[in-house]
């Protein structure tokens, strides 16, 4: 199983620009829902062979703004280096539906 790669404002665009398909988990250290959702994001991402990234949304406002993240936890879908959609969820079924809607199976 692949683990998350932690990215920051300084390397966010550099890392994502190289990705065909990836998930980015936006979280905060104080966010209990974020801690609860992270293993589910990892499980689903690994099942679908997605590259996984994590961004501390409080410490990296540039990345948060770039992905238009307003609530936590949020997972963003990256296709061909671009953030194409995001979803705030803690439910596996919701994440799977979101990914299916965006052609990730």
N, C-alpha and C. Protein backbone atom coordinates (compact mmCIF):
# COMPACT_ATOMS: atom_id res chain seq x y z
N UNK A 1 0.83 -1.19 0.00
CA UNK A 1 0.00 0.00 0.00
C UNK A 1 0.87 1.25 0.00
N UNK A 2 0.52 2.17 -0.84
CA UNK A 2 1.25 3.42 -0.93
C UNK A 2 0.80 4.37 0.18
N UNK A 3 1.74 5.14 0.68
CA UNK A 3 1.43 6.09 1.74
C UNK A 3 1.28 7.49 1.13
N UNK A 4 0.79 8.41 1.94
CA UNK A 4 0.65 9.80 1.52
C UNK A 4 2.02 10.46 1.40
N UNK A 5 2.14 11.35 0.43
CA UNK A 5 3.31 12.21 0.28
C UNK A 5 2.88 13.59 0.78
N UNK A 6 3.56 14.08 1.81
CA UNK A 6 3.22 15.40 2.37
C UNK A 6 3.78 16.48 1.46
N UNK A 7 2.91 17.43 1.06
CA UNK A 7 3.35 18.54 0.23
C UNK A 7 2.99 19.87 0.90
N UNK A 8 3.66 20.92 0.47
CA UNK A 8 3.50 22.25 1.06
C UNK A 8 3.22 23.27 -0.04
N UNK A 9 2.99 24.50 0.37
CA UNK A 9 2.82 25.58 -0.61
C UNK A 9 4.00 25.63 -1.58
N UNK A 10 5.20 25.39 -1.06
CA UNK A 10 6.41 25.51 -1.87
C UNK A 10 6.51 24.46 -2.97
N UNK A 11 5.98 23.26 -2.74
CA UNK A 11 6.15 22.20 -3.74
C UNK A 11 4.82 21.61 -4.25
N UNK A 12 3.70 22.20 -3.87
CA UNK A 12 2.38 21.70 -4.25
C UNK A 12 2.23 21.59 -5.77
N UNK A 13 2.42 22.69 -6.47
CA UNK A 13 2.22 22.68 -7.92
C UNK A 13 3.26 21.82 -8.63
N UNK A 14 4.48 21.81 -8.13
CA UNK A 14 5.53 20.98 -8.73
C UNK A 14 5.16 19.50 -8.67
N UNK A 15 4.73 19.04 -7.50
CA UNK A 15 4.34 17.63 -7.35
C UNK A 15 3.11 17.30 -8.19
N UNK A 16 2.09 18.14 -8.11
CA UNK A 16 0.85 17.83 -8.81
C UNK A 16 0.98 17.92 -10.33
N UNK A 17 1.84 18.79 -10.82
CA UNK A 17 1.98 18.95 -12.27
C UNK A 17 2.47 17.66 -12.93
N UNK A 18 3.08 16.78 -12.16
CA UNK A 18 3.62 15.53 -12.70
C UNK A 18 2.63 14.38 -12.63
N UNK A 19 1.42 14.63 -12.13
CA UNK A 19 0.47 13.55 -11.86
C UNK A 19 -0.57 13.39 -12.96
N UNK A 20 -0.74 12.16 -13.42
CA UNK A 20 -1.83 11.82 -14.34
C UNK A 20 -3.13 11.74 -13.56
N UNK A 21 -3.07 11.08 -12.38
CA UNK A 21 -4.25 10.90 -11.54
C UNK A 21 -3.80 10.80 -10.08
N UNK A 22 -4.37 11.63 -9.22
CA UNK A 22 -3.96 11.64 -7.82
C UNK A 22 -5.09 12.16 -6.93
N UNK A 23 -4.98 11.84 -5.64
CA UNK A 23 -5.87 12.38 -4.62
C UNK A 23 -5.04 13.21 -3.66
N UNK A 24 -5.59 14.34 -3.24
CA UNK A 24 -4.93 15.21 -2.27
C UNK A 24 -5.85 15.35 -1.06
N UNK A 25 -5.37 14.95 0.09
CA UNK A 25 -6.10 15.04 1.35
C UNK A 25 -5.72 16.34 2.04
N UNK A 26 -6.66 17.27 2.13
CA UNK A 26 -6.46 18.52 2.86
C UNK A 26 -6.97 18.32 4.28
N UNK A 27 -6.13 18.58 5.26
CA UNK A 27 -6.45 18.29 6.66
C UNK A 27 -5.89 19.38 7.57
N UNK A 28 -6.23 19.29 8.84
CA UNK A 28 -5.62 20.11 9.90
C UNK A 28 -5.34 19.19 11.08
N UNK A 29 -4.29 19.47 11.81
CA UNK A 29 -3.88 18.60 12.91
C UNK A 29 -4.94 18.52 14.01
N UNK A 30 -5.74 19.55 14.19
CA UNK A 30 -6.75 19.57 15.25
C UNK A 30 -8.06 18.91 14.82
N UNK A 31 -8.19 18.54 13.54
CA UNK A 31 -9.46 18.09 12.95
C UNK A 31 -9.66 16.58 13.16
N UNK A 32 -10.57 16.23 14.06
CA UNK A 32 -10.87 14.83 14.32
C UNK A 32 -11.45 14.12 13.12
N UNK A 33 -12.31 14.79 12.37
CA UNK A 33 -12.88 14.19 11.17
C UNK A 33 -11.80 13.91 10.12
N UNK A 34 -10.78 14.77 10.08
CA UNK A 34 -9.67 14.56 9.15
C UNK A 34 -8.91 13.29 9.50
N UNK A 35 -8.65 13.10 10.79
CA UNK A 35 -7.95 11.88 11.23
C UNK A 35 -8.79 10.64 10.94
N UNK A 36 -10.10 10.77 11.06
CA UNK A 36 -10.99 9.65 10.81
C UNK A 36 -11.05 9.33 9.31
N UNK A 37 -11.03 10.33 8.46
CA UNK A 37 -11.19 10.13 7.01
C UNK A 37 -9.90 9.68 6.32
N UNK A 38 -8.75 10.05 6.85
CA UNK A 38 -7.47 9.76 6.17
C UNK A 38 -7.29 8.28 5.83
N UNK A 39 -7.54 7.33 6.75
CA UNK A 39 -7.36 5.92 6.38
C UNK A 39 -8.30 5.49 5.25
N UNK A 40 -9.49 6.03 5.20
CA UNK A 40 -10.44 5.71 4.15
C UNK A 40 -9.95 6.28 2.81
N UNK A 41 -9.46 7.53 2.81
CA UNK A 41 -8.90 8.11 1.59
C UNK A 41 -7.76 7.22 1.08
N UNK A 42 -6.90 6.80 2.01
CA UNK A 42 -5.75 5.96 1.65
C UNK A 42 -6.20 4.62 1.08
N UNK A 43 -7.17 3.98 1.72
CA UNK A 43 -7.67 2.68 1.27
C UNK A 43 -8.22 2.78 -0.15
N UNK A 44 -9.12 3.72 -0.38
CA UNK A 44 -9.75 3.87 -1.69
C UNK A 44 -8.71 4.28 -2.73
N UNK A 45 -7.85 5.21 -2.39
CA UNK A 45 -6.81 5.65 -3.33
C UNK A 45 -5.89 4.53 -3.74
N UNK A 46 -5.51 3.70 -2.79
CA UNK A 46 -4.64 2.57 -3.11
C UNK A 46 -5.35 1.53 -3.96
N UNK A 47 -6.62 1.28 -3.66
CA UNK A 47 -7.38 0.33 -4.48
C UNK A 47 -7.44 0.77 -5.94
N UNK A 48 -7.46 2.07 -6.16
CA UNK A 48 -7.58 2.61 -7.51
C UNK A 48 -6.23 3.03 -8.10
N UNK A 49 -5.15 2.67 -7.40
CA UNK A 49 -3.78 2.98 -7.85
C UNK A 49 -3.54 4.47 -8.08
N UNK A 50 -4.08 5.29 -7.18
CA UNK A 50 -3.88 6.73 -7.26
C UNK A 50 -2.68 7.13 -6.42
N UNK A 51 -1.95 8.14 -6.87
CA UNK A 51 -0.91 8.73 -6.04
C UNK A 51 -1.61 9.55 -4.97
N UNK A 52 -1.11 9.47 -3.74
CA UNK A 52 -1.76 10.12 -2.59
C UNK A 52 -0.89 11.22 -2.02
N UNK A 53 -1.49 12.39 -1.84
CA UNK A 53 -0.80 13.53 -1.23
C UNK A 53 -1.59 14.02 -0.04
N UNK A 54 -0.89 14.66 0.91
CA UNK A 54 -1.52 15.30 2.07
C UNK A 54 -1.03 16.74 2.13
N UNK A 55 -1.94 17.63 2.51
CA UNK A 55 -1.60 19.04 2.68
C UNK A 55 -2.22 19.52 3.99
N UNK A 56 -1.38 20.04 4.88
CA UNK A 56 -1.89 20.67 6.09
C UNK A 56 -2.48 22.02 5.66
N UNK A 57 -3.79 22.09 5.64
CA UNK A 57 -4.50 23.26 5.10
C UNK A 57 -4.22 24.54 5.88
N UNK A 58 -3.94 24.43 7.17
CA UNK A 58 -3.66 25.64 7.96
C UNK A 58 -2.27 26.18 7.69
N UNK A 59 -1.31 25.30 7.50
CA UNK A 59 0.08 25.74 7.28
C UNK A 59 0.36 26.07 5.83
N UNK A 60 -0.56 25.73 4.93
CA UNK A 60 -0.33 25.92 3.50
C UNK A 60 -1.53 26.58 2.82
N UNK A 61 -1.76 27.86 3.12
CA UNK A 61 -2.93 28.55 2.57
C UNK A 61 -2.91 28.68 1.06
N UNK A 62 -1.73 28.70 0.45
CA UNK A 62 -1.65 28.82 -1.00
C UNK A 62 -2.22 27.59 -1.69
N UNK A 63 -1.83 26.41 -1.20
CA UNK A 63 -2.35 25.16 -1.77
C UNK A 63 -3.85 25.05 -1.52
N UNK A 64 -4.26 25.43 -0.32
CA UNK A 64 -5.69 25.40 0.03
C UNK A 64 -6.49 26.31 -0.92
N UNK A 65 -6.00 27.49 -1.18
CA UNK A 65 -6.67 28.43 -2.06
C UNK A 65 -6.67 27.91 -3.50
N UNK A 66 -5.54 27.38 -3.93
CA UNK A 66 -5.42 26.85 -5.30
C UNK A 66 -6.47 25.77 -5.56
N UNK A 67 -6.73 24.93 -4.56
CA UNK A 67 -7.70 23.84 -4.70
C UNK A 67 -9.11 24.26 -4.28
N UNK A 68 -9.27 25.51 -3.87
CA UNK A 68 -10.57 26.06 -3.45
C UNK A 68 -11.18 25.27 -2.28
N UNK A 69 -10.34 24.93 -1.31
CA UNK A 69 -10.78 24.18 -0.14
C UNK A 69 -11.35 25.14 0.89
N UNK A 70 -12.60 24.89 1.31
CA UNK A 70 -13.24 25.76 2.31
C UNK A 70 -13.60 25.01 3.59
N UNK A 71 -13.67 23.67 3.53
CA UNK A 71 -14.00 22.88 4.72
C UNK A 71 -13.04 21.70 4.81
N UNK A 72 -12.96 21.16 6.01
CA UNK A 72 -12.09 20.00 6.25
C UNK A 72 -12.89 18.86 6.84
N UNK A 73 -12.56 17.64 6.52
CA UNK A 73 -11.55 17.23 5.55
C UNK A 73 -12.08 17.39 4.12
N UNK A 74 -11.18 17.67 3.22
CA UNK A 74 -11.50 17.74 1.80
C UNK A 74 -10.49 16.91 1.04
N UNK A 75 -10.98 16.16 0.08
CA UNK A 75 -10.10 15.42 -0.82
C UNK A 75 -10.29 16.02 -2.21
N UNK A 76 -9.16 16.30 -2.87
CA UNK A 76 -9.20 16.88 -4.21
C UNK A 76 -8.71 15.84 -5.21
N UNK A 77 -9.34 15.83 -6.35
CA UNK A 77 -8.96 14.94 -7.44
C UNK A 77 -8.10 15.72 -8.43
N UNK A 78 -6.95 15.15 -8.75
CA UNK A 78 -6.04 15.76 -9.71
C UNK A 78 -5.98 14.87 -10.95
N UNK A 79 -6.22 15.50 -12.11
CA UNK A 79 -6.10 14.81 -13.39
C UNK A 79 -5.16 15.62 -14.27
N UNK A 80 -4.17 14.95 -14.82
CA UNK A 80 -3.20 15.61 -15.71
C UNK A 80 -2.65 16.89 -15.11
N UNK A 81 -2.33 16.83 -13.81
CA UNK A 81 -1.69 17.95 -13.13
C UNK A 81 -2.60 19.06 -12.65
N UNK A 82 -3.90 18.94 -12.90
CA UNK A 82 -4.84 19.99 -12.52
C UNK A 82 -5.86 19.48 -11.49
N UNK A 83 -6.15 20.31 -10.50
CA UNK A 83 -7.23 19.99 -9.57
C UNK A 83 -8.53 20.17 -10.34
N UNK A 84 -9.28 19.07 -10.51
CA UNK A 84 -10.51 19.14 -11.31
C UNK A 84 -11.78 19.17 -10.46
N UNK A 85 -11.69 18.67 -9.23
CA UNK A 85 -12.87 18.65 -8.35
C UNK A 85 -12.42 18.33 -6.95
N UNK A 86 -13.28 18.67 -5.99
CA UNK A 86 -12.98 18.33 -4.61
C UNK A 86 -14.28 17.97 -3.88
N UNK A 87 -14.10 17.27 -2.77
CA UNK A 87 -15.24 16.79 -2.00
C UNK A 87 -14.87 16.79 -0.52
N UNK A 88 -15.77 17.29 0.29
CA UNK A 88 -15.61 17.21 1.74
C UNK A 88 -16.47 16.05 2.23
N UNK A 89 -15.80 14.99 2.70
CA UNK A 89 -16.54 13.81 3.14
C UNK A 89 -15.73 12.99 4.14
N UNK A 90 -16.45 12.21 4.91
CA UNK A 90 -15.82 11.20 5.77
C UNK A 90 -16.41 9.83 5.45
N UNK A 91 -17.22 9.76 4.40
CA UNK A 91 -17.92 8.52 4.04
C UNK A 91 -17.29 7.89 2.81
N UNK A 92 -16.97 6.59 2.92
CA UNK A 92 -16.35 5.88 1.80
C UNK A 92 -17.27 5.84 0.59
N UNK A 93 -18.54 5.59 0.80
CA UNK A 93 -19.49 5.53 -0.31
C UNK A 93 -19.52 6.86 -1.07
N UNK A 94 -19.50 7.97 -0.33
CA UNK A 94 -19.49 9.29 -0.96
C UNK A 94 -18.24 9.52 -1.79
N UNK A 95 -17.09 9.08 -1.27
CA UNK A 95 -15.84 9.22 -2.02
C UNK A 95 -15.87 8.37 -3.28
N UNK A 96 -16.33 7.14 -3.17
CA UNK A 96 -16.40 6.26 -4.34
C UNK A 96 -17.36 6.82 -5.40
N UNK A 97 -18.51 7.35 -4.98
CA UNK A 97 -19.45 7.97 -5.92
C UNK A 97 -18.81 9.17 -6.62
N UNK A 98 -18.14 10.00 -5.85
CA UNK A 98 -17.44 11.18 -6.39
C UNK A 98 -16.42 10.77 -7.44
N UNK A 99 -15.60 9.75 -7.13
CA UNK A 99 -14.58 9.31 -8.08
C UNK A 99 -15.21 8.70 -9.33
N UNK A 100 -16.25 7.91 -9.15
CA UNK A 100 -16.97 7.33 -10.30
C UNK A 100 -17.52 8.42 -11.20
N UNK A 101 -18.10 9.47 -10.60
CA UNK A 101 -18.65 10.58 -11.37
C UNK A 101 -17.58 11.27 -12.22
N UNK A 102 -16.33 11.17 -11.77
CA UNK A 102 -15.22 11.82 -12.49
C UNK A 102 -14.39 10.81 -13.28
N UNK A 103 -14.98 9.64 -13.53
CA UNK A 103 -14.34 8.66 -14.41
C UNK A 103 -13.20 7.86 -13.81
N UNK A 104 -13.09 7.87 -12.48
CA UNK A 104 -12.05 7.10 -11.81
C UNK A 104 -12.66 5.83 -11.27
N UNK A 105 -12.23 4.68 -11.81
CA UNK A 105 -12.80 3.40 -11.41
C UNK A 105 -11.73 2.38 -11.14
